[in-house]
Protein backbone atom coordinates (compact mmCIF):
# COMPACT_ATOMS: atom_id res chain seq x y z
CA MET A 1 -46.75 36.05 -220.42
CA GLY A 2 -43.13 37.23 -220.17
CA SER A 3 -40.15 34.86 -220.11
CA GLU A 4 -39.62 35.39 -216.35
CA SER A 5 -43.26 34.56 -215.63
CA LYS A 6 -43.02 31.45 -217.80
CA VAL A 7 -39.97 30.28 -215.87
CA LYS A 8 -41.73 30.82 -212.53
CA ALA A 9 -44.81 28.98 -213.79
CA SER A 10 -42.67 26.07 -214.99
CA LEU A 11 -40.85 25.87 -211.66
CA LEU A 12 -44.13 25.94 -209.75
CA GLN A 13 -45.56 23.20 -211.97
CA ALA A 14 -42.44 21.08 -211.52
CA THR A 15 -42.53 21.55 -207.73
CA ARG A 16 -46.17 20.55 -207.56
CA LYS A 17 -45.48 17.52 -209.76
CA GLY A 18 -42.58 16.54 -207.49
CA TRP A 19 -44.71 16.69 -204.35
CA TYR A 20 -47.48 14.78 -206.11
CA LEU A 21 -45.08 12.00 -207.10
CA LEU A 22 -43.62 11.91 -203.57
CA CYS A 23 -47.08 11.49 -202.05
CA LEU A 24 -47.91 8.76 -204.56
CA GLY A 25 -44.67 7.01 -203.67
CA LEU A 26 -45.42 7.04 -199.95
CA ILE A 27 -48.93 5.72 -200.53
CA ALA A 28 -47.59 3.01 -202.84
CA ALA A 29 -45.02 1.98 -200.22
CA CYS A 30 -47.77 1.40 -197.67
CA LEU A 31 -49.94 -0.46 -200.19
CA LEU A 32 -47.08 -2.72 -201.21
CA ALA A 33 -46.14 -3.31 -197.58
CA TYR A 34 -49.50 -4.82 -196.69
CA PRO A 35 -52.13 -4.52 -199.42
CA SER A 36 -54.72 -6.60 -197.57
CA HIS A 37 -54.78 -4.48 -194.43
CA ILE A 38 -56.60 -1.38 -195.57
CA PRO A 39 -60.32 -2.37 -195.54
CA GLU A 40 -59.99 -4.10 -192.17
CA LEU A 41 -57.94 -1.41 -190.47
CA MET A 42 -59.85 1.51 -191.92
CA SER A 43 -63.17 0.01 -190.86
CA LYS A 44 -62.12 -0.73 -187.29
CA ALA A 45 -59.27 1.42 -186.07
CA ALA A 46 -58.90 4.35 -188.44
CA SER A 47 -61.75 6.20 -186.76
CA HIS A 48 -60.61 5.39 -183.24
CA CYS A 49 -59.61 8.98 -182.46
CA SER A 50 -61.72 10.79 -185.06
CA HIS A 51 -64.03 12.15 -182.35
CA LEU A 52 -61.18 14.15 -180.81
CA GLY A 53 -60.00 17.52 -182.07
CA PRO A 54 -57.23 19.82 -180.83
CA LEU A 55 -57.57 21.40 -177.42
CA PRO A 56 -60.07 24.29 -177.41
CA THR A 57 -58.85 27.89 -177.45
CA SER A 58 -60.20 28.40 -173.93
CA GLU A 59 -57.79 25.81 -172.57
CA PHE A 60 -54.77 27.56 -174.09
CA HIS A 61 -56.00 30.84 -172.61
CA THR A 62 -56.10 29.15 -169.20
CA HIS A 63 -52.54 27.88 -169.66
CA LEU A 64 -51.29 31.35 -170.60
CA SER A 65 -53.18 33.04 -167.77
CA THR A 66 -51.74 30.62 -165.22
CA LEU A 67 -48.24 31.18 -166.62
CA GLY A 68 -48.66 34.96 -166.34
CA GLU A 69 -49.86 34.68 -162.74
CA THR A 70 -46.92 32.45 -161.86
CA LEU A 71 -44.44 34.87 -163.44
CA THR A 72 -45.96 37.67 -161.36
CA THR A 73 -45.73 35.59 -158.18
CA LEU A 74 -42.07 34.83 -158.91
CA ASN A 75 -41.37 38.50 -159.75
CA ALA A 76 -40.28 37.56 -163.27
CA SER A 77 -40.87 39.67 -166.36
CA ALA A 78 -41.08 37.03 -169.10
CA TYR A 79 -40.84 33.40 -170.18
CA ILE A 80 -39.16 32.38 -173.46
CA ALA A 81 -39.41 29.07 -175.32
CA GLU A 82 -38.64 27.61 -178.73
CA PRO A 83 -41.16 25.44 -180.63
CA GLY A 84 -41.52 22.23 -178.64
CA ALA A 85 -43.51 20.65 -175.83
CA SER A 86 -43.71 23.80 -173.70
CA ALA A 87 -44.57 26.11 -176.61
CA LEU A 88 -47.22 23.59 -177.65
CA TYR A 89 -48.74 23.68 -174.17
CA TYR A 90 -48.96 27.47 -174.06
CA ALA A 91 -49.43 28.47 -177.70
CA ASN A 92 -49.97 25.37 -179.85
CA VAL A 93 -46.52 25.64 -181.46
CA SER A 94 -44.67 22.33 -181.52
CA SER A 95 -41.45 21.31 -183.26
CA SER A 96 -43.64 19.46 -185.76
CA HIS A 97 -45.29 22.75 -186.69
CA TRP A 98 -41.96 24.58 -186.88
CA TYR A 99 -38.70 22.68 -187.15
CA LEU A 100 -35.75 24.18 -185.31
CA SER A 101 -32.93 25.66 -187.36
CA GLU A 102 -30.11 28.14 -186.91
CA ARG A 103 -32.70 30.92 -187.37
CA PRO A 104 -34.55 31.30 -184.05
CA LEU A 105 -38.30 31.55 -183.75
CA LEU A 106 -39.15 32.36 -180.13
CA LEU A 107 -42.33 32.43 -178.07
CA ILE A 108 -42.23 35.16 -175.42
CA VAL A 109 -44.92 35.45 -172.73
CA ASP A 110 -44.82 38.33 -170.23
CA SER A 111 -46.31 38.51 -166.74
CA SER A 112 -49.59 39.88 -168.13
CA ALA A 113 -49.84 36.76 -170.35
CA TRP A 114 -49.24 38.85 -173.49
CA VAL A 115 -47.76 36.75 -176.30
CA MET A 116 -44.97 37.90 -178.60
CA VAL A 117 -43.33 35.85 -181.36
CA LEU A 118 -39.88 36.64 -182.72
CA THR A 119 -39.62 35.33 -186.28
CA PRO A 120 -37.27 35.55 -189.25
CA LYS A 121 -38.66 38.29 -191.49
CA PHE A 122 -38.63 36.21 -194.66
CA GLU A 123 -40.60 33.53 -192.74
CA GLY A 124 -43.11 36.04 -191.38
CA THR A 125 -45.98 34.95 -193.59
CA ARG A 126 -45.46 31.29 -192.73
CA ALA A 127 -45.15 32.10 -189.03
CA ARG A 128 -48.51 33.88 -189.11
CA LEU A 129 -50.08 30.67 -190.41
CA LEU A 130 -49.33 29.00 -187.07
CA SER A 131 -52.56 28.31 -185.18
CA ILE A 132 -51.69 30.29 -182.07
CA PRO A 133 -54.95 30.62 -180.07
CA SER A 134 -54.17 34.09 -178.75
CA ASP A 135 -53.53 37.64 -179.87
CA VAL A 136 -49.90 37.87 -180.92
CA GLU A 137 -47.41 40.70 -181.33
CA TRP A 138 -45.13 39.73 -184.19
CA VAL A 139 -41.51 40.90 -184.14
CA GLU A 140 -39.49 40.24 -187.30
CA TRP A 141 -35.75 40.21 -187.84
CA ALA A 142 -34.02 40.55 -191.22
CA GLU A 143 -31.12 38.39 -192.33
CA ASP A 144 -28.58 41.17 -191.69
CA GLU A 145 -29.90 41.91 -188.17
CA VAL A 146 -29.27 40.44 -184.74
CA PRO A 147 -32.63 38.76 -183.97
CA TYR A 148 -32.71 39.56 -180.26
CA LYS A 149 -32.02 43.28 -180.75
CA GLN A 150 -35.41 43.60 -182.45
CA LEU A 151 -37.19 42.76 -179.19
CA PRO A 152 -38.29 45.48 -176.74
CA ASP A 153 -35.80 46.11 -173.95
CA ILE A 154 -36.00 43.37 -171.33
CA GLU A 155 -35.08 43.80 -167.68
CA GLY A 156 -35.55 41.80 -164.51
CA THR A 157 -35.74 38.03 -164.37
CA VAL A 158 -36.42 36.18 -167.61
CA PHE A 159 -37.12 32.45 -167.47
CA VAL A 160 -36.16 30.29 -170.45
CA ASP A 161 -37.59 26.87 -171.17
CA GLY A 162 -35.38 23.95 -170.16
CA SER A 163 -35.04 22.70 -173.73
CA ILE A 164 -34.02 26.02 -175.29
CA ARG A 165 -30.67 25.90 -177.10
CA HIS A 166 -27.58 27.37 -175.44
CA PHE A 167 -26.63 29.74 -178.25
CA ILE A 168 -29.99 31.50 -177.85
CA VAL A 169 -29.53 31.90 -174.10
CA ASP A 170 -26.00 33.24 -174.63
CA ARG A 171 -27.18 35.87 -177.12
CA LEU A 172 -30.12 36.91 -174.93
CA ARG A 173 -27.72 37.52 -172.06
CA MET A 174 -25.41 39.49 -174.33
CA VAL A 175 -28.15 41.69 -175.79
CA PHE A 176 -29.98 42.26 -172.48
CA PRO A 177 -27.26 42.77 -169.84
CA LYS A 178 -29.78 44.26 -167.37
CA ALA A 179 -31.84 41.08 -167.42
CA THR A 180 -31.19 37.89 -165.48
CA VAL A 181 -31.77 35.11 -168.01
CA THR A 182 -32.09 31.79 -166.21
CA ALA A 183 -33.70 28.38 -166.53
CA ALA A 184 -37.38 28.19 -165.62
CA PRO A 185 -37.77 26.96 -162.02
CA THR A 186 -39.84 24.08 -160.72
CA GLU A 187 -42.89 26.32 -160.27
CA ILE A 188 -42.98 26.91 -164.03
CA ARG A 189 -42.20 23.33 -165.02
CA GLN A 190 -44.96 22.00 -162.78
CA LEU A 191 -47.64 24.00 -164.61
CA TRP A 192 -47.96 21.45 -167.40
CA GLU A 193 -47.33 18.33 -165.31
CA ARG A 194 -50.96 18.19 -164.18
CA LYS A 195 -53.03 17.28 -167.21
CA SER A 196 -56.59 18.38 -167.90
CA GLU A 197 -59.34 15.97 -168.93
CA GLY A 198 -58.96 17.16 -172.52
CA GLU A 199 -55.23 16.47 -172.51
CA LEU A 200 -55.73 13.04 -170.95
CA GLU A 201 -58.26 12.11 -173.63
CA LEU A 202 -55.71 12.96 -176.32
CA LEU A 203 -52.96 11.02 -174.54
CA LYS A 204 -55.23 8.02 -174.05
CA CYS A 205 -56.40 7.90 -177.64
CA ALA A 206 -52.89 8.34 -179.04
CA ASN A 207 -51.63 5.42 -176.95
CA GLU A 208 -54.67 3.26 -177.69
CA ALA A 209 -54.36 3.83 -181.45
CA THR A 210 -50.63 3.06 -181.29
CA LEU A 211 -51.33 -0.26 -179.58
CA LEU A 212 -54.01 -1.09 -182.17
CA ALA A 213 -51.45 -0.42 -184.92
CA ILE A 214 -48.91 -2.76 -183.27
CA ARG A 215 -51.50 -5.51 -182.88
CA HIS A 216 -52.57 -5.16 -186.48
CA THR A 217 -48.99 -5.19 -187.75
CA CYS A 218 -48.24 -8.46 -186.00
CA LYS A 219 -51.09 -10.11 -187.95
CA HIS A 220 -49.31 -9.29 -191.22
CA MET A 221 -45.83 -10.46 -190.26
CA HIS A 222 -44.21 -13.81 -191.04
CA ILE A 223 -41.14 -15.77 -190.07
CA GLY A 224 -38.28 -14.46 -192.21
CA ILE A 225 -39.49 -10.86 -192.41
CA CYS A 226 -36.75 -8.23 -191.99
CA GLU A 227 -36.76 -5.56 -189.29
CA SER A 228 -36.92 -2.87 -191.97
CA GLU A 229 -40.01 -4.45 -193.55
CA ALA A 230 -41.79 -4.71 -190.21
CA ARG A 231 -40.79 -1.13 -189.39
CA GLN A 232 -42.47 0.02 -192.60
CA LEU A 233 -45.58 -2.05 -191.83
CA VAL A 234 -46.07 -0.49 -188.43
CA ALA A 235 -45.28 3.04 -189.65
CA CYS A 236 -48.02 2.71 -192.27
CA ALA A 237 -50.40 1.32 -189.64
CA LEU A 238 -49.75 4.30 -187.38
CA THR A 239 -50.64 6.63 -190.23
CA ASP A 240 -53.77 4.63 -191.04
CA VAL A 241 -55.09 4.95 -187.48
CA GLY A 242 -54.89 8.73 -187.81
CA LEU A 243 -51.65 9.49 -185.96
CA LYS A 244 -48.82 11.71 -187.17
CA ASP A 245 -45.02 11.56 -187.08
CA GLY A 246 -45.20 7.89 -186.14
CA GLY A 247 -42.33 5.47 -186.01
CA CYS A 248 -41.14 2.39 -184.16
CA LEU A 249 -37.83 1.04 -182.99
CA THR A 250 -38.14 -2.47 -184.46
CA LEU A 251 -35.79 -5.16 -183.15
CA PHE A 252 -35.76 -8.94 -183.62
CA GLY A 253 -34.05 -11.62 -181.56
CA GLU A 254 -30.74 -10.70 -179.98
CA ASN A 255 -30.95 -7.16 -181.42
CA ALA A 256 -33.60 -6.41 -178.79
CA ALA A 257 -30.94 -6.87 -176.11
CA LEU A 258 -29.67 -3.40 -177.09
CA PRO A 259 -32.44 -1.19 -175.61
CA HIS A 260 -32.14 1.43 -178.35
CA GLY A 261 -31.22 -0.83 -181.22
CA SER A 262 -28.39 -1.73 -183.56
CA GLY A 263 -27.44 -1.00 -187.15
CA THR A 264 -28.33 -4.43 -188.53
CA ASP A 265 -31.48 -5.58 -190.36
CA HIS A 266 -32.15 -8.91 -188.68
CA ARG A 267 -34.56 -11.44 -190.20
CA LEU A 268 -37.14 -12.84 -187.79
CA GLY A 269 -36.26 -16.41 -186.88
CA PRO A 270 -38.74 -18.97 -185.52
CA ASP A 271 -37.29 -18.64 -182.02
CA ASP A 272 -37.03 -14.83 -182.06
CA PHE A 273 -39.13 -12.29 -180.21
CA ALA A 274 -40.07 -9.13 -182.13
CA LEU A 275 -39.84 -5.88 -180.15
CA PHE A 276 -41.72 -2.76 -181.25
CA ASP A 277 -41.12 0.49 -179.33
CA CYS A 278 -43.52 2.95 -180.94
CA THR A 279 -44.44 6.60 -180.73
CA ALA A 280 -46.77 8.89 -182.68
CA SER A 281 -48.73 12.07 -182.07
CA LEU A 282 -52.36 13.14 -181.93
CA HIS A 283 -52.81 16.93 -182.06
CA GLY A 284 -49.33 17.29 -180.57
CA TYR A 285 -49.77 14.75 -177.76
CA TRP A 286 -47.49 11.74 -178.03
CA SER A 287 -47.89 8.04 -177.42
CA ASN A 288 -45.20 5.64 -176.25
CA VAL A 289 -45.95 1.91 -176.28
CA THR A 290 -43.66 -1.13 -176.43
CA ARG A 291 -44.55 -4.75 -177.08
CA THR A 292 -42.25 -7.75 -177.24
CA LEU A 293 -44.28 -10.32 -179.14
CA ALA A 294 -44.24 -13.66 -180.92
CA LEU A 295 -46.00 -14.86 -184.06
CA PRO A 296 -48.36 -17.88 -184.13
CA ALA A 297 -45.63 -19.85 -185.92
CA SER A 298 -42.91 -18.85 -183.43
CA THR A 299 -41.20 -21.49 -181.29
CA ILE A 300 -39.84 -19.36 -178.47
CA LEU A 301 -37.34 -20.99 -176.10
CA ASP A 302 -38.73 -21.80 -172.66
CA THR A 303 -36.02 -19.71 -170.99
CA HIS A 304 -37.00 -16.71 -173.12
CA LEU A 305 -40.68 -17.21 -172.36
CA GLN A 306 -39.79 -17.27 -168.67
CA ILE A 307 -37.99 -13.94 -169.07
CA TRP A 308 -41.05 -12.49 -170.83
CA ASN A 309 -43.25 -13.61 -167.93
CA PHE A 310 -40.86 -12.13 -165.37
CA VAL A 311 -40.89 -8.78 -167.19
CA HIS A 312 -44.68 -8.91 -167.43
CA SER A 313 -44.93 -9.49 -163.67
CA ALA A 314 -42.45 -6.68 -163.01
CA GLN A 315 -44.58 -4.28 -165.04
CA ASN A 316 -47.64 -5.17 -162.97
CA ILE A 317 -45.70 -4.81 -159.71
CA ALA A 318 -44.64 -1.29 -160.69
CA PHE A 319 -48.21 -0.40 -161.62
CA GLN A 320 -49.55 -1.67 -158.30
CA THR A 321 -46.87 0.28 -156.43
CA ALA A 322 -47.75 3.57 -158.11
CA HIS A 323 -50.29 5.74 -156.31
CA ALA A 324 -50.65 9.32 -155.14
CA GLY A 325 -48.02 10.24 -152.55
CA VAL A 326 -45.53 7.47 -153.25
CA VAL A 327 -41.95 8.60 -153.93
CA THR A 328 -41.30 8.00 -157.63
CA LYS A 329 -38.12 5.98 -157.12
CA ARG A 330 -40.13 3.42 -155.11
CA VAL A 331 -42.04 2.59 -158.29
CA ASP A 332 -38.71 1.68 -159.89
CA GLU A 333 -37.38 -0.17 -156.85
CA ALA A 334 -40.30 -2.62 -156.53
CA PRO A 335 -39.95 -4.33 -159.94
CA ARG A 336 -36.16 -4.09 -159.68
CA LEU A 337 -36.27 -6.07 -156.44
CA PHE A 338 -38.54 -8.67 -158.06
CA LEU A 339 -36.28 -9.14 -161.09
CA GLY A 340 -33.31 -9.31 -158.73
CA LEU A 341 -34.90 -12.19 -156.82
CA ALA A 342 -35.54 -13.89 -160.18
CA GLY A 343 -31.83 -13.61 -160.97
CA TYR A 344 -32.01 -10.86 -163.58
CA ALA A 345 -30.99 -7.75 -161.62
CA LYS A 346 -27.87 -7.07 -163.69
CA TYR A 347 -29.87 -7.31 -166.93
CA PHE A 348 -32.42 -4.65 -165.91
CA THR A 349 -30.15 -1.88 -167.18
CA HIS A 350 -32.77 0.65 -168.27
CA ARG A 351 -34.70 2.66 -165.68
CA LEU A 352 -38.34 1.71 -165.22
CA GLY A 353 -39.66 4.77 -166.99
CA HIS A 354 -39.62 8.45 -167.81
CA GLY A 355 -42.01 11.31 -168.57
CA HIS A 356 -44.48 13.12 -166.34
CA THR A 357 -47.19 10.57 -167.14
CA PHE A 358 -44.58 7.91 -166.34
CA SER A 359 -43.78 5.02 -168.64
CA ASP A 360 -43.89 1.61 -166.97
CA GLU A 361 -41.27 -0.23 -169.03
CA PRO A 362 -39.25 -2.87 -167.21
CA GLY A 363 -36.91 -4.92 -169.36
CA VAL A 364 -34.33 -7.69 -169.34
CA TYR A 365 -31.44 -7.23 -171.78
CA ILE A 366 -28.97 -10.12 -172.18
CA GLU A 367 -26.61 -9.04 -174.95
CA GLY A 368 -26.05 -11.60 -177.68
CA LYS A 369 -29.11 -13.59 -176.62
CA VAL A 370 -32.43 -11.91 -175.92
CA GLY A 371 -34.12 -8.66 -174.97
CA VAL A 372 -37.63 -8.19 -173.58
CA ARG A 373 -39.32 -4.88 -172.82
CA LEU A 374 -42.98 -4.08 -172.16
CA LYS A 375 -44.13 -0.48 -171.95
CA ASP A 376 -47.43 1.22 -171.14
CA CYS A 377 -47.66 4.80 -169.88
CA PHE A 378 -49.90 5.67 -166.95
CA TYR A 379 -51.09 8.65 -164.93
CA ILE A 380 -52.42 9.11 -161.39
CA GLU A 381 -56.10 9.99 -161.36
CA GLN A 382 -58.03 12.05 -158.80
CA ASN A 383 -58.68 9.10 -156.48
CA GLY A 384 -54.93 8.47 -156.23
CA SER A 385 -54.70 5.27 -158.26
CA ALA A 386 -52.74 4.61 -161.45
CA VAL A 387 -54.50 4.31 -164.82
CA TYR A 388 -52.88 2.98 -167.98
CA LEU A 389 -53.26 5.18 -171.04
CA THR A 390 -53.86 1.99 -173.05
CA SER A 391 -56.62 0.67 -170.76
CA GLY A 392 -59.35 1.61 -173.25
CA VAL A 393 -58.17 -1.14 -175.62
CA GLY A 394 -57.24 -3.75 -173.04
CA GLY A 395 -54.08 -2.30 -171.56
CA PRO A 396 -50.89 -4.34 -171.10
CA ALA A 397 -50.09 -7.49 -173.03
CA SER A 398 -51.35 -10.77 -171.58
CA SER A 399 -48.84 -12.98 -173.41
CA PRO A 400 -46.30 -12.75 -176.26
CA TRP A 401 -49.10 -13.90 -178.57
CA LYS A 402 -51.64 -11.42 -177.19
CA PRO A 403 -49.95 -8.01 -177.25
């Protein structure tokens, strides 16, 4: 073996050793965080979503076909997206599969539903490892080339995904002056707002498993635990139930009055609520669940318990208001009116929810004192009624001690 080959072999061995040690470190962190949890959690919750795989190829073909038909109807020539929610829906390419950088990787679908992927040339091999369930025309660009000039000439109307970055849109317009590059209209955005049974099953299981992880975490907490410790507990639990990219906004006591957190690492006091706002993914479909909870040893103030109960009632009022045909803002107005009558209107600073499945997350945020938020996502089924994505494991919390 020559000296160059020996160097390459040594580097490869060192890289592998580094990754091995990193993996061991992550596993050790979870074991140290809660060593007693594994047999229980693995036996009960770890297999909760094991019966579900990614969406079948046929479903992606349907998505692409419908997109092509819609482009034809709108007299548009193509649709362009970066890795993300839309690219996942059409071609199974999410930002988890391909992280965005200054080097664009673009999904292009024309009106015949033909798929083209523009990729950096030196990343071509990795790009071809993406599990795109369709025939693909690969277009590569070298480091000394303008990426967009490698594409076939584009004319007519080109729709770009709403989340695509501005510098890409600017360069597309510069390179293709005969094309009208514009944001995808409502007709395109609505294509993925109606979920199939397969998609709903993934969304349900992701949310159910997330809630199971929160419930399990609370059993391994104690008065005096830090937010950072609890955050690590729940992150490990999300991994153990089979979800990916999981994490939780973890806030104790008055920190929960800031809806999206603070920079401190508060220790849980006996009169503190613990708020977990969690998300994780299952085959690219994300959960979003929040619980404001108390431990068995907690001594929550009566006024804070009253706030929790008001928020709980507000969540149910929103859920009962939601049905097919109702204007979305009415679903926000109903719990807002209720909390206003209870004297907490000015503390309901966050909107009720967001997302096409709609998150039902009323909250009361009194800065310097207390914050309470409860969140379960729901969808409207065929009969017109709302269904919680967490209903398979009991749905919303029934008390701070039963999340």
